[in-house]
Amino acid sequence: MAKRKNHVVKRGNREERIQKRKQAVVTYFIVILMVSSVAGFALSGNMNSNSNQIEYNGYSFEQSIEPHPLVSGYTVNAFKEVTTDVIFYSSPYEAEQILITGNLTELLYNKPYYIYLFKPDTEFDSLHDWLRFNMAATTTKILIPAVTAPSDVYVNMPILSCANATLDMPVIEILQANKTTINITENGCVQIKSRPQDILFIRDRIYYSLSGIMDE
């Protein structure tokens, strides 16, 4: 009995260590992106020399620091489908490099629900977890998570595909790829192919469009 109890405790400790390691990976990943992003702002030539601001398409972005002292981004007073306290993790000059095929704003604007769809049980699970929780907290939408295949981790999530998308219930599908692109299908699926290092830029590219800051 003692051995069984010991085994349970060890397994519990192991799972706890795995979760902590996942959180550390996400934090480290975000910190690296933030450092490079802030450097990109400074090098773009659009930084106001008298303050921590950049100008884009008639909007002024102010530097903002999250609770983590190394994680910074920018805020702007332009809100439609995004909450007022959202932090953009990339400059609009960086995010506009991600091209969108189709009309993203027309599909997503004024829709109360999105489905966040991803491939489960990969090394990017922790990134998907962070992104879907962050998007749920920083948009005015209800985000419904779903997976593309059966999963031992996400057992309570429905198994869906882009075929389940409708114009009233859009699906945002994020897949790993070597090149980052966004394509809108006729039935209402936002097919996003992204490199891991572009995952925050993808979120920002969507938000910039929904906020009216960036033209598609």
N, C-alpha and C. Protein backbone atom coordinates (compact mmCIF):
# COMPACT_ATOMS: atom_id res chain seq x y z
N MET A 1 0.83 -1.21 0.00
CA MET A 1 0.00 0.00 0.00
C MET A 1 0.87 1.26 0.00
N ALA A 2 1.94 1.20 0.83
CA ALA A 2 2.86 2.33 0.91
C ALA A 2 3.53 2.57 -0.43
N LYS A 3 3.89 1.45 -1.11
CA LYS A 3 4.53 1.58 -2.42
C LYS A 3 3.58 2.23 -3.42
N ARG A 4 2.31 1.82 -3.38
CA ARG A 4 1.31 2.38 -4.29
C ARG A 4 1.14 3.87 -4.04
N LYS A 5 1.10 4.26 -2.76
CA LYS A 5 0.95 5.66 -2.40
C LYS A 5 2.16 6.46 -2.88
N ASN A 6 3.34 5.86 -2.68
CA ASN A 6 4.57 6.49 -3.15
C ASN A 6 4.52 6.73 -4.65
N HIS A 7 4.03 5.73 -5.38
CA HIS A 7 3.96 5.81 -6.84
C HIS A 7 3.01 6.93 -7.27
N VAL A 8 1.87 7.05 -6.58
CA VAL A 8 0.90 8.09 -6.90
C VAL A 8 1.49 9.47 -6.65
N VAL A 9 2.21 9.62 -5.52
CA VAL A 9 2.84 10.90 -5.19
C VAL A 9 3.88 11.28 -6.22
N LYS A 10 4.69 10.28 -6.62
CA LYS A 10 5.73 10.55 -7.61
C LYS A 10 5.13 10.95 -8.94
N ARG A 11 4.03 10.25 -9.33
CA ARG A 11 3.39 10.59 -10.60
C ARG A 11 2.80 11.99 -10.53
N GLY A 12 2.22 12.33 -9.36
CA GLY A 12 1.66 13.66 -9.19
C GLY A 12 2.73 14.73 -9.27
N ASN A 13 3.89 14.46 -8.65
CA ASN A 13 4.99 15.41 -8.71
C ASN A 13 5.50 15.57 -10.13
N ARG A 14 5.54 14.46 -10.86
CA ARG A 14 6.02 14.49 -12.26
C ARG A 14 5.10 15.36 -13.12
N GLU A 15 3.78 15.16 -12.96
CA GLU A 15 2.83 15.96 -13.73
C GLU A 15 2.94 17.44 -13.39
N GLU A 16 3.17 17.72 -12.09
CA GLU A 16 3.32 19.10 -11.67
C GLU A 16 4.57 19.73 -12.29
N ARG A 17 5.66 18.94 -12.36
CA ARG A 17 6.90 19.44 -12.96
C ARG A 17 6.71 19.70 -14.45
N ILE A 18 5.95 18.84 -15.12
CA ILE A 18 5.68 19.02 -16.55
C ILE A 18 4.91 20.32 -16.79
N GLN A 19 3.89 20.57 -15.95
CA GLN A 19 3.10 21.78 -16.11
C GLN A 19 3.94 23.03 -15.87
N LYS A 20 4.81 22.98 -14.85
CA LYS A 20 5.68 24.12 -14.57
C LYS A 20 6.65 24.36 -15.71
N ARG A 21 7.16 23.26 -16.30
CA ARG A 21 8.09 23.39 -17.42
C ARG A 21 7.37 24.01 -18.62
N LYS A 22 6.12 23.60 -18.86
CA LYS A 22 5.34 24.19 -19.96
C LYS A 22 5.16 25.69 -19.76
N GLN A 23 4.83 26.08 -18.52
CA GLN A 23 4.63 27.49 -18.24
C GLN A 23 5.92 28.27 -18.44
N ALA A 24 7.05 27.66 -18.04
CA ALA A 24 8.35 28.32 -18.20
C ALA A 24 8.68 28.50 -19.68
N VAL A 25 8.35 27.50 -20.47
CA VAL A 25 8.62 27.57 -21.91
C VAL A 25 7.83 28.71 -22.54
N VAL A 26 6.55 28.79 -22.19
CA VAL A 26 5.70 29.86 -22.74
C VAL A 26 6.22 31.23 -22.32
N THR A 27 6.55 31.38 -21.03
CA THR A 27 7.06 32.66 -20.54
C THR A 27 8.33 33.05 -21.26
N TYR A 28 9.26 32.09 -21.40
CA TYR A 28 10.52 32.37 -22.07
C TYR A 28 10.28 32.75 -23.53
N PHE A 29 9.38 32.03 -24.17
CA PHE A 29 9.06 32.28 -25.57
C PHE A 29 8.51 33.69 -25.75
N ILE A 30 7.59 34.08 -24.88
CA ILE A 30 6.98 35.40 -24.97
C ILE A 30 8.00 36.50 -24.69
N VAL A 31 8.86 36.28 -23.70
CA VAL A 31 9.89 37.27 -23.37
C VAL A 31 10.79 37.52 -24.57
N ILE A 32 11.23 36.44 -25.24
CA ILE A 32 12.08 36.58 -26.42
C ILE A 32 11.37 37.39 -27.50
N LEU A 33 10.08 37.10 -27.72
CA LEU A 33 9.33 37.83 -28.73
C LEU A 33 9.19 39.30 -28.36
N MET A 34 8.97 39.57 -27.08
CA MET A 34 8.81 40.95 -26.66
C MET A 34 10.08 41.76 -26.84
N VAL A 35 11.21 41.17 -26.48
CA VAL A 35 12.49 41.86 -26.62
C VAL A 35 12.76 42.19 -28.08
N SER A 36 12.53 41.22 -28.96
CA SER A 36 12.77 41.44 -30.39
C SER A 36 11.76 42.42 -30.96
N SER A 37 10.51 42.38 -30.44
CA SER A 37 9.48 43.27 -30.95
C SER A 37 9.78 44.72 -30.60
N VAL A 38 10.17 44.96 -29.34
CA VAL A 38 10.48 46.32 -28.92
C VAL A 38 11.67 46.85 -29.71
N ALA A 39 12.66 45.98 -29.98
CA ALA A 39 13.79 46.38 -30.80
C ALA A 39 13.32 46.75 -32.20
N GLY A 40 12.34 46.01 -32.71
CA GLY A 40 11.79 46.30 -34.03
C GLY A 40 11.11 47.66 -34.07
N PHE A 41 10.41 48.03 -32.98
CA PHE A 41 9.79 49.34 -32.93
C PHE A 41 10.84 50.44 -33.07
N ALA A 42 11.90 50.29 -32.30
CA ALA A 42 12.94 51.32 -32.27
C ALA A 42 13.63 51.45 -33.62
N LEU A 43 13.81 50.34 -34.31
CA LEU A 43 14.54 50.35 -35.57
C LEU A 43 13.66 50.75 -36.75
N SER A 44 12.34 50.76 -36.55
CA SER A 44 11.45 51.03 -37.67
C SER A 44 11.47 52.48 -38.11
N GLY A 45 11.96 53.38 -37.24
CA GLY A 45 12.01 54.79 -37.59
C GLY A 45 10.70 55.50 -37.33
N ASN A 46 9.72 54.81 -36.74
CA ASN A 46 8.43 55.43 -36.46
C ASN A 46 8.24 55.69 -34.97
N MET A 47 9.30 55.55 -34.20
CA MET A 47 9.26 55.81 -32.77
C MET A 47 9.38 57.31 -32.53
N ASN A 48 8.48 57.87 -31.73
CA ASN A 48 8.56 59.27 -31.34
C ASN A 48 9.78 59.46 -30.45
N SER A 49 10.65 60.36 -30.83
CA SER A 49 11.92 60.52 -30.11
C SER A 49 11.72 61.13 -28.73
N ASN A 50 10.56 61.76 -28.48
CA ASN A 50 10.33 62.41 -27.20
C ASN A 50 9.52 61.55 -26.23
N SER A 51 9.07 60.39 -26.67
CA SER A 51 8.28 59.53 -25.78
C SER A 51 8.30 58.12 -26.31
N ASN A 52 7.71 57.19 -25.53
CA ASN A 52 7.63 55.79 -25.95
C ASN A 52 6.39 55.58 -26.80
N GLN A 53 6.36 56.20 -27.96
CA GLN A 53 5.21 56.13 -28.84
C GLN A 53 5.64 55.83 -30.27
N ILE A 54 4.74 55.19 -31.02
CA ILE A 54 4.90 55.08 -32.47
C ILE A 54 3.60 55.52 -33.12
N GLU A 55 3.69 55.93 -34.36
CA GLU A 55 2.53 56.38 -35.12
C GLU A 55 2.27 55.41 -36.26
N TYR A 56 0.97 55.10 -36.47
CA TYR A 56 0.61 54.21 -37.58
C TYR A 56 -0.82 54.51 -38.02
N ASN A 57 -0.99 54.86 -39.28
CA ASN A 57 -2.31 55.03 -39.87
C ASN A 57 -3.21 55.97 -39.06
N GLY A 58 -2.60 57.00 -38.49
CA GLY A 58 -3.36 57.98 -37.71
C GLY A 58 -3.55 57.62 -36.25
N TYR A 59 -3.00 56.49 -35.81
CA TYR A 59 -3.13 56.06 -34.42
C TYR A 59 -1.79 56.18 -33.70
N SER A 60 -1.86 56.55 -32.41
CA SER A 60 -0.66 56.63 -31.59
C SER A 60 -0.62 55.44 -30.63
N PHE A 61 0.50 54.73 -30.65
CA PHE A 61 0.69 53.58 -29.78
C PHE A 61 1.60 53.96 -28.62
N GLU A 62 1.20 53.63 -27.41
CA GLU A 62 2.01 53.91 -26.24
C GLU A 62 2.56 52.62 -25.66
N GLN A 63 3.79 52.69 -25.17
CA GLN A 63 4.41 51.50 -24.60
C GLN A 63 3.72 51.13 -23.29
N SER A 64 3.56 49.85 -23.09
CA SER A 64 2.91 49.34 -21.88
C SER A 64 3.70 48.15 -21.38
N ILE A 65 3.79 48.01 -20.06
CA ILE A 65 4.53 46.91 -19.45
C ILE A 65 3.55 45.99 -18.75
N GLU A 66 3.61 44.70 -19.05
CA GLU A 66 2.79 43.70 -18.36
C GLU A 66 3.39 43.42 -16.98
N PRO A 67 2.69 42.62 -16.14
CA PRO A 67 3.23 42.28 -14.82
C PRO A 67 4.64 41.71 -14.87
N HIS A 68 4.98 40.96 -15.91
CA HIS A 68 6.34 40.48 -16.05
C HIS A 68 7.20 41.63 -16.55
N PRO A 69 8.26 42.03 -15.83
CA PRO A 69 9.02 43.23 -16.17
C PRO A 69 9.70 43.19 -17.53
N LEU A 70 9.91 42.00 -18.10
CA LEU A 70 10.58 41.90 -19.40
C LEU A 70 9.60 41.80 -20.55
N VAL A 71 8.32 41.70 -20.24
CA VAL A 71 7.31 41.52 -21.29
C VAL A 71 6.60 42.85 -21.51
N SER A 72 6.82 43.43 -22.67
CA SER A 72 6.20 44.72 -22.96
C SER A 72 5.49 44.68 -24.29
N GLY A 73 4.67 45.67 -24.52
CA GLY A 73 3.95 45.75 -25.77
C GLY A 73 3.42 47.16 -25.92
N TYR A 74 2.38 47.31 -26.75
CA TYR A 74 1.84 48.65 -27.00
C TYR A 74 0.31 48.62 -26.90
N THR A 75 -0.23 49.72 -26.41
CA THR A 75 -1.68 49.91 -26.36
C THR A 75 -2.05 51.08 -27.26
N VAL A 76 -3.32 51.10 -27.70
CA VAL A 76 -3.79 52.17 -28.57
C VAL A 76 -5.27 52.38 -28.30
N ASN A 77 -5.73 53.62 -28.45
CA ASN A 77 -7.14 53.93 -28.23
C ASN A 77 -7.94 53.74 -29.51
N ALA A 78 -8.19 52.49 -29.85
CA ALA A 78 -9.02 52.15 -31.02
C ALA A 78 -9.63 50.79 -30.76
N PHE A 79 -10.90 50.79 -30.36
CA PHE A 79 -11.48 49.53 -29.93
C PHE A 79 -12.86 49.30 -30.55
N LYS A 80 -13.00 48.15 -31.16
CA LYS A 80 -14.29 47.73 -31.68
C LYS A 80 -14.62 46.35 -31.12
N GLU A 81 -13.85 45.37 -31.58
CA GLU A 81 -14.11 44.00 -31.17
C GLU A 81 -13.11 43.52 -30.12
N VAL A 82 -12.27 44.44 -29.65
CA VAL A 82 -11.18 44.09 -28.72
C VAL A 82 -11.35 44.88 -27.44
N THR A 83 -11.01 44.29 -26.30
CA THR A 83 -11.15 44.98 -25.01
C THR A 83 -10.16 46.13 -24.90
N THR A 84 -10.49 47.08 -24.04
CA THR A 84 -9.68 48.31 -23.94
C THR A 84 -8.32 48.09 -23.31
N ASP A 85 -8.10 46.98 -22.63
CA ASP A 85 -6.82 46.76 -21.96
C ASP A 85 -5.92 45.80 -22.72
N VAL A 86 -6.23 45.53 -24.00
CA VAL A 86 -5.43 44.60 -24.77
C VAL A 86 -4.06 45.20 -25.05
N ILE A 87 -3.04 44.35 -24.99
CA ILE A 87 -1.68 44.75 -25.32
C ILE A 87 -1.29 44.08 -26.64
N PHE A 88 -0.82 44.88 -27.58
CA PHE A 88 -0.32 44.35 -28.84
C PHE A 88 1.14 43.97 -28.66
N TYR A 89 1.46 42.74 -29.04
CA TYR A 89 2.81 42.23 -28.82
C TYR A 89 3.74 42.47 -30.01
N SER A 90 3.20 42.99 -31.10
CA SER A 90 4.03 43.34 -32.25
C SER A 90 3.57 44.69 -32.77
N SER A 91 4.46 45.40 -33.42
CA SER A 91 4.07 46.69 -33.99
C SER A 91 3.20 46.45 -35.22
N PRO A 92 2.37 47.41 -35.59
CA PRO A 92 1.58 47.24 -36.81
C PRO A 92 2.46 47.10 -38.05
N TYR A 93 3.65 47.68 -37.98
CA TYR A 93 4.57 47.57 -39.12
C TYR A 93 5.08 46.14 -39.28
N GLU A 94 5.19 45.42 -38.18
CA GLU A 94 5.58 44.01 -38.25
C GLU A 94 4.39 43.14 -38.65
N ALA A 95 3.23 43.41 -38.02
CA ALA A 95 2.06 42.56 -38.25
C ALA A 95 1.54 42.68 -39.68
N GLU A 96 1.71 43.85 -40.31
CA GLU A 96 1.17 44.02 -41.66
C GLU A 96 1.91 43.18 -42.70
N GLN A 97 3.05 42.61 -42.31
CA GLN A 97 3.78 41.73 -43.21
C GLN A 97 3.05 40.40 -43.42
N ILE A 98 2.13 40.09 -42.50
CA ILE A 98 1.32 38.87 -42.63
C ILE A 98 0.11 39.18 -43.51
N LEU A 99 0.09 38.64 -44.69
CA LEU A 99 -0.97 38.93 -45.64
C LEU A 99 -2.20 38.05 -45.40
N ILE A 100 -3.36 38.62 -45.63
CA ILE A 100 -4.62 37.90 -45.46
C ILE A 100 -5.30 37.76 -46.81
N THR A 101 -5.66 36.53 -47.17
CA THR A 101 -6.41 36.27 -48.39
C THR A 101 -7.88 36.13 -48.03
N GLY A 102 -8.69 37.11 -48.43
CA GLY A 102 -10.10 37.11 -48.05
C GLY A 102 -10.38 38.27 -47.10
N ASN A 103 -11.64 38.43 -46.73
CA ASN A 103 -12.04 39.55 -45.88
C ASN A 103 -12.25 39.07 -44.44
N LEU A 104 -11.21 39.21 -43.63
CA LEU A 104 -11.25 38.74 -42.24
C LEU A 104 -12.25 39.55 -41.42
N THR A 105 -12.22 40.87 -41.57
CA THR A 105 -13.09 41.73 -40.77
C THR A 105 -14.56 41.46 -41.06
N GLU A 106 -14.90 41.30 -42.33
CA GLU A 106 -16.29 41.02 -42.70
C GLU A 106 -16.78 39.72 -42.08
N LEU A 107 -15.88 38.73 -42.02
CA LEU A 107 -16.28 37.43 -41.45
C LEU A 107 -16.44 37.48 -39.94
N LEU A 108 -15.50 38.11 -39.24
CA LEU A 108 -15.47 38.03 -37.78
C LEU A 108 -16.23 39.15 -37.08
N TYR A 109 -16.42 40.28 -37.75
CA TYR A 109 -17.02 41.43 -37.09
C TYR A 109 -18.47 41.15 -36.70
N ASN A 110 -18.80 41.52 -35.46
CA ASN A 110 -20.16 41.38 -34.92
C ASN A 110 -20.62 39.93 -34.76
N LYS A 111 -19.70 38.99 -34.80
CA LYS A 111 -20.05 37.59 -34.53
C LYS A 111 -19.79 37.31 -33.05
N PRO A 112 -20.78 36.80 -32.32
CA PRO A 112 -20.59 36.61 -30.87
C PRO A 112 -19.69 35.43 -30.50
N TYR A 113 -19.55 34.47 -31.42
CA TYR A 113 -18.80 33.25 -31.10
C TYR A 113 -17.73 32.97 -32.16
N TYR A 114 -16.59 32.47 -31.68
CA TYR A 114 -15.58 31.89 -32.56
C TYR A 114 -15.28 30.49 -32.05
N ILE A 115 -14.85 29.63 -32.94
CA ILE A 115 -14.30 28.34 -32.53
C ILE A 115 -12.79 28.39 -32.74
N TYR A 116 -12.03 28.12 -31.70
CA TYR A 116 -10.57 28.09 -31.78
C TYR A 116 -10.16 26.63 -31.96
N LEU A 117 -9.64 26.30 -33.14
CA LEU A 117 -9.36 24.91 -33.51
C LEU A 117 -7.86 24.69 -33.65
N PHE A 118 -7.37 23.60 -33.04
CA PHE A 118 -5.94 23.32 -33.14
C PHE A 118 -5.67 21.82 -33.07
N LYS A 119 -4.50 21.44 -33.57
CA LYS A 119 -4.07 20.05 -33.51
C LYS A 119 -3.51 19.77 -32.12
N PRO A 120 -4.04 18.77 -31.38
CA PRO A 120 -3.63 18.56 -29.99
C PRO A 120 -2.40 17.65 -29.87
N ASP A 121 -1.91 17.57 -28.62
CA ASP A 121 -0.85 16.64 -28.24
C ASP A 121 0.41 16.82 -29.07
N THR A 122 0.81 18.09 -29.23
CA THR A 122 2.07 18.40 -29.89
C THR A 122 2.91 19.24 -28.94
N GLU A 123 4.13 19.56 -29.38
CA GLU A 123 5.00 20.37 -28.53
C GLU A 123 4.51 21.81 -28.41
N PHE A 124 3.46 22.17 -29.17
CA PHE A 124 2.94 23.54 -29.14
C PHE A 124 1.64 23.65 -28.33
N ASP A 125 1.30 22.61 -27.58
CA ASP A 125 0.09 22.66 -26.75
C ASP A 125 0.09 23.87 -25.81
N SER A 126 1.23 24.12 -25.18
CA SER A 126 1.29 25.21 -24.20
C SER A 126 1.08 26.57 -24.86
N LEU A 127 1.56 26.72 -26.10
CA LEU A 127 1.35 27.96 -26.83
C LEU A 127 -0.13 28.14 -27.18
N HIS A 128 -0.77 27.05 -27.61
CA HIS A 128 -2.21 27.11 -27.91
C HIS A 128 -3.01 27.42 -26.66
N ASP A 129 -2.62 26.83 -25.54
CA ASP A 129 -3.32 27.09 -24.28
C ASP A 129 -3.24 28.57 -23.92
N TRP A 130 -2.02 29.11 -24.02
CA TRP A 130 -1.85 30.54 -23.69
C TRP A 130 -2.65 31.41 -24.64
N LEU A 131 -2.58 31.12 -25.94
CA LEU A 131 -3.22 31.97 -26.94
C LEU A 131 -4.73 31.96 -26.82
N ARG A 132 -5.33 30.78 -26.64
CA ARG A 132 -6.79 30.74 -26.59
C ARG A 132 -7.33 31.38 -25.31
N PHE A 133 -6.61 31.23 -24.20
CA PHE A 133 -7.04 31.89 -22.97
C PHE A 133 -6.85 33.40 -23.08
N ASN A 134 -5.76 33.82 -23.71
CA ASN A 134 -5.51 35.24 -23.89
C ASN A 134 -6.56 35.87 -24.79
N MET A 135 -6.89 35.20 -25.90
CA MET A 135 -7.90 35.74 -26.82
C MET A 135 -9.27 35.78 -26.17
N ALA A 136 -9.57 34.78 -25.36
CA ALA A 136 -10.86 34.77 -24.66
C ALA A 136 -10.97 35.95 -23.69
N ALA A 137 -9.83 36.35 -23.12
CA ALA A 137 -9.82 37.43 -22.13
C ALA A 137 -9.75 38.81 -22.77
N THR A 138 -9.32 38.89 -24.02
CA THR A 138 -9.05 40.20 -24.61
C THR A 138 -9.94 40.51 -25.82
N THR A 139 -10.95 39.70 -26.09
CA THR A 139 -11.92 40.04 -27.12
C THR A 139 -13.30 40.09 -26.49
N THR A 140 -14.23 40.65 -27.23
CA THR A 140 -15.62 40.71 -26.75
C THR A 140 -16.39 39.46 -27.17
N LYS A 141 -15.66 38.44 -27.64
CA LYS A 141 -16.28 37.21 -28.15
C LYS A 141 -16.26 36.08 -27.11
N ILE A 142 -17.08 35.09 -27.37
CA ILE A 142 -17.00 33.83 -26.63
C ILE A 142 -16.20 32.86 -27.49
N LEU A 143 -15.08 32.40 -26.97
CA LEU A 143 -14.19 31.53 -27.72
C LEU A 143 -14.42 30.08 -27.31
N ILE A 144 -14.75 29.25 -28.27
CA ILE A 144 -15.03 27.84 -28.01
C ILE A 144 -13.85 27.01 -28.50
N PRO A 145 -13.10 26.35 -27.61
CA PRO A 145 -11.95 25.57 -28.05
C PRO A 145 -12.37 24.22 -28.63
N ALA A 146 -11.66 23.76 -29.64
CA ALA A 146 -11.92 22.46 -30.24
C ALA A 146 -10.61 21.91 -30.79
N VAL A 147 -10.56 20.60 -30.99
CA VAL A 147 -9.35 19.95 -31.49
C VAL A 147 -9.65 19.22 -32.80
N THR A 148 -8.58 18.93 -33.56
CA THR A 148 -8.76 18.29 -34.86
C THR A 148 -8.70 16.76 -34.78
N ALA A 149 -8.33 16.23 -33.60
CA ALA A 149 -8.19 14.77 -33.44
C ALA A 149 -8.41 14.40 -31.98
N PRO A 150 -8.72 13.12 -31.70
CA PRO A 150 -8.87 12.69 -30.30
C PRO A 150 -7.61 12.98 -29.50
N SER A 151 -7.81 13.32 -28.22
CA SER A 151 -6.69 13.72 -27.38
C SER A 151 -6.84 13.17 -25.98
N ASP A 152 -5.74 12.72 -25.39
CA ASP A 152 -5.74 12.28 -24.00
C ASP A 152 -5.69 13.47 -23.04
N VAL A 153 -5.29 14.62 -23.55
CA VAL A 153 -5.17 15.82 -22.71
C VAL A 153 -6.45 16.64 -22.76
N TYR A 154 -6.96 16.88 -23.96
CA TYR A 154 -8.14 17.73 -24.13
C TYR A 154 -9.37 16.85 -24.35
N VAL A 155 -9.66 16.01 -23.38
CA VAL A 155 -10.69 14.98 -23.54
C VAL A 155 -12.10 15.57 -23.64
N ASN A 156 -12.31 16.76 -23.08
CA ASN A 156 -13.65 17.34 -23.07
C ASN A 156 -13.93 18.26 -24.25
N MET A 157 -12.94 18.43 -25.12
CA MET A 157 -13.13 19.32 -26.27
C MET A 157 -13.73 18.57 -27.45
N PRO A 158 -14.61 19.21 -28.19
CA PRO A 158 -15.17 18.57 -29.38
C PRO A 158 -14.12 18.41 -30.48
N ILE A 159 -14.30 17.40 -31.32
CA ILE A 159 -13.40 17.17 -32.46
C ILE A 159 -14.08 17.76 -33.69
N LEU A 160 -13.46 18.80 -34.27
CA LEU A 160 -14.05 19.51 -35.39
C LEU A 160 -13.03 19.69 -36.51
N SER A 161 -13.48 20.33 -37.57
CA SER A 161 -12.59 20.68 -38.68
C SER A 161 -13.11 21.96 -39.31
N CYS A 162 -12.39 22.45 -40.32
CA CYS A 162 -12.85 23.65 -41.02
C CYS A 162 -14.20 23.42 -41.69
N ALA A 163 -14.53 22.18 -41.96
CA ALA A 163 -15.82 21.87 -42.59
C ALA A 163 -16.99 22.23 -41.68
N ASN A 164 -16.75 22.35 -40.37
CA ASN A 164 -17.81 22.70 -39.43
C ASN A 164 -18.06 24.20 -39.36
N ALA A 165 -17.23 24.99 -40.01
CA ALA A 165 -17.38 26.45 -39.96
C ALA A 165 -18.61 26.90 -40.73
N THR A 166 -19.23 27.97 -40.23
CA THR A 166 -20.31 28.64 -40.95
C THR A 166 -20.05 30.14 -40.88
N LEU A 167 -20.77 30.90 -41.68
CA LEU A 167 -20.60 32.35 -41.65
C LEU A 167 -21.09 32.94 -40.34
N ASP A 168 -21.99 32.23 -39.64
CA ASP A 168 -22.48 32.69 -38.34
C ASP A 168 -21.63 32.17 -37.18
N MET A 169 -20.92 31.07 -37.40
CA MET A 169 -20.04 30.50 -36.38
C MET A 169 -18.67 30.21 -37.02
N PRO A 170 -17.83 31.25 -37.16
CA PRO A 170 -16.54 31.06 -37.81
C PRO A 170 -15.60 30.16 -36.99
N VAL A 171 -14.73 29.47 -37.70
CA VAL A 171 -13.70 28.65 -37.09
C VAL A 171 -12.34 29.29 -37.37
N ILE A 172 -11.53 29.45 -36.33
CA ILE A 172 -10.16 29.90 -36.49
C ILE A 172 -9.26 28.69 -36.27
N GLU A 173 -8.70 28.17 -37.35
CA GLU A 173 -7.85 26.98 -37.28
C GLU A 173 -6.39 27.40 -37.39
N ILE A 174 -5.58 26.99 -36.41
CA ILE A 174 -4.16 27.34 -36.41
C ILE A 174 -3.33 26.08 -36.58
N LEU A 175 -2.54 26.07 -37.63
CA LEU A 175 -1.69 24.93 -37.95
C LEU A 175 -0.23 25.37 -38.00
N GLN A 176 0.65 24.45 -37.65
CA GLN A 176 2.08 24.74 -37.73
C GLN A 176 2.54 24.64 -39.18
N ALA A 177 3.38 25.59 -39.61
CA ALA A 177 3.89 25.60 -40.97
C ALA A 177 5.22 26.34 -41.01
N ASN A 178 5.90 26.24 -42.14
CA ASN A 178 7.18 26.93 -42.30
C ASN A 178 7.01 28.37 -42.76
N LYS A 179 5.80 28.71 -43.25
CA LYS A 179 5.50 30.05 -43.70
C LYS A 179 4.17 30.49 -43.10
N THR A 180 4.10 31.74 -42.66
CA THR A 180 2.90 32.22 -41.98
C THR A 180 1.94 32.89 -42.97
N THR A 181 0.72 32.36 -43.05
CA THR A 181 -0.31 32.90 -43.94
C THR A 181 -1.67 32.81 -43.28
N ILE A 182 -2.61 33.64 -43.74
CA ILE A 182 -4.00 33.60 -43.28
C ILE A 182 -4.90 33.54 -44.51
N ASN A 183 -5.76 32.53 -44.57
CA ASN A 183 -6.65 32.36 -45.70
C ASN A 183 -8.09 32.19 -45.21
N ILE A 184 -9.02 32.93 -45.80
CA ILE A 184 -10.43 32.85 -45.42
C ILE A 184 -11.17 31.97 -46.43
N THR A 185 -11.83 30.92 -45.96
CA THR A 185 -12.57 30.05 -46.86
C THR A 185 -14.00 30.57 -47.05
N GLU A 186 -14.66 30.06 -48.06
CA GLU A 186 -16.02 30.51 -48.38
C GLU A 186 -17.03 30.17 -47.29
N ASN A 187 -16.80 29.07 -46.56
CA ASN A 187 -17.77 28.66 -45.54
C ASN A 187 -17.51 29.28 -44.17
N GLY A 188 -16.46 30.13 -44.06
CA GLY A 188 -16.26 30.85 -42.80
C GLY A 188 -15.16 30.30 -41.91
N CYS A 189 -14.14 29.70 -42.51
CA CYS A 189 -13.00 29.20 -41.73
C CYS A 189 -11.79 30.09 -41.96
N VAL A 190 -11.18 30.54 -40.87
CA VAL A 190 -9.95 31.31 -40.95
C VAL A 190 -8.80 30.31 -40.80
N GLN A 191 -8.20 29.93 -41.91
CA GLN A 191 -7.11 28.95 -41.89
C GLN A 191 -5.79 29.68 -41.71
N ILE A 192 -5.19 29.48 -40.56
CA ILE A 192 -3.94 30.14 -40.23
C ILE A 192 -2.81 29.12 -40.21
N LYS A 193 -1.83 29.34 -41.04
CA LYS A 193 -0.62 28.53 -41.01
C LYS A 193 0.48 29.42 -40.44
N SER A 194 1.09 28.96 -39.36
CA SER A 194 2.01 29.85 -38.65
C SER A 194 3.26 29.14 -38.17
N ARG A 195 4.36 29.85 -38.26
CA ARG A 195 5.57 29.41 -37.59
C ARG A 195 5.37 29.67 -36.09
N PRO A 196 5.97 28.86 -35.21
CA PRO A 196 5.78 29.07 -33.76
C PRO A 196 6.14 30.48 -33.32
N GLN A 197 7.20 31.05 -33.89
CA GLN A 197 7.64 32.38 -33.45
C GLN A 197 6.71 33.49 -33.92
N ASP A 198 5.74 33.18 -34.79
CA ASP A 198 4.81 34.19 -35.28
C ASP A 198 3.45 34.14 -34.59
N ILE A 199 3.28 33.28 -33.61
CA ILE A 199 1.96 33.04 -33.04
C ILE A 199 1.36 34.29 -32.42
N LEU A 200 2.18 35.12 -31.77
CA LEU A 200 1.65 36.36 -31.19
C LEU A 200 1.38 37.39 -32.27
N PHE A 201 2.19 37.40 -33.33
CA PHE A 201 1.96 38.32 -34.43
C PHE A 201 0.63 38.00 -35.11
N ILE A 202 0.30 36.71 -35.19
CA ILE A 202 -0.98 36.29 -35.77
C ILE A 202 -2.13 36.88 -34.97
N ARG A 203 -2.07 36.75 -33.67
CA ARG A 203 -3.12 37.32 -32.82
C ARG A 203 -3.24 38.82 -33.06
N ASP A 204 -2.10 39.51 -33.09
CA ASP A 204 -2.11 40.95 -33.29
C ASP A 204 -2.65 41.32 -34.67
N ARG A 205 -2.29 40.54 -35.68
CA ARG A 205 -2.76 40.84 -37.04
C ARG A 205 -4.30 40.79 -37.10
N ILE A 206 -4.88 39.81 -36.42
CA ILE A 206 -6.34 39.71 -36.36
C ILE A 206 -6.92 40.90 -35.60
N TYR A 207 -6.31 41.24 -34.48
CA TYR A 207 -6.81 42.35 -33.66
C TYR A 207 -6.69 43.69 -34.38
N TYR A 208 -5.59 43.91 -35.08
CA TYR A 208 -5.42 45.16 -35.81
C TYR A 208 -6.53 45.34 -36.84
N SER A 209 -6.91 44.26 -37.51
CA SER A 209 -7.99 44.33 -38.49
C SER A 209 -9.33 44.61 -37.82
N LEU A 210 -9.63 43.86 -36.74
CA LEU A 210 -10.92 44.01 -36.07
C LEU A 210 -11.07 45.38 -35.42
N SER A 211 -9.96 46.01 -35.05
CA SER A 211 -10.00 47.32 -34.41
C SER A 211 -10.06 48.45 -35.42
N GLY A 212 -9.94 48.11 -36.71
CA GLY A 212 -9.97 49.14 -37.73
C GLY A 212 -8.66 49.89 -37.89
N ILE A 213 -7.63 49.43 -37.22
CA ILE A 213 -6.33 50.09 -37.29
C ILE A 213 -5.64 49.79 -38.62
N MET A 214 -5.82 48.58 -39.11
CA MET A 214 -5.10 48.12 -40.29
C MET A 214 -6.09 47.74 -41.38
N ASP A 215 -5.82 48.20 -42.58
CA ASP A 215 -6.62 47.80 -43.74
C ASP A 215 -6.16 46.43 -44.21
N GLU A 216 -7.09 45.63 -44.73
CA GLU A 216 -6.72 44.28 -45.20
C GLU A 216 -6.26 44.32 -46.64
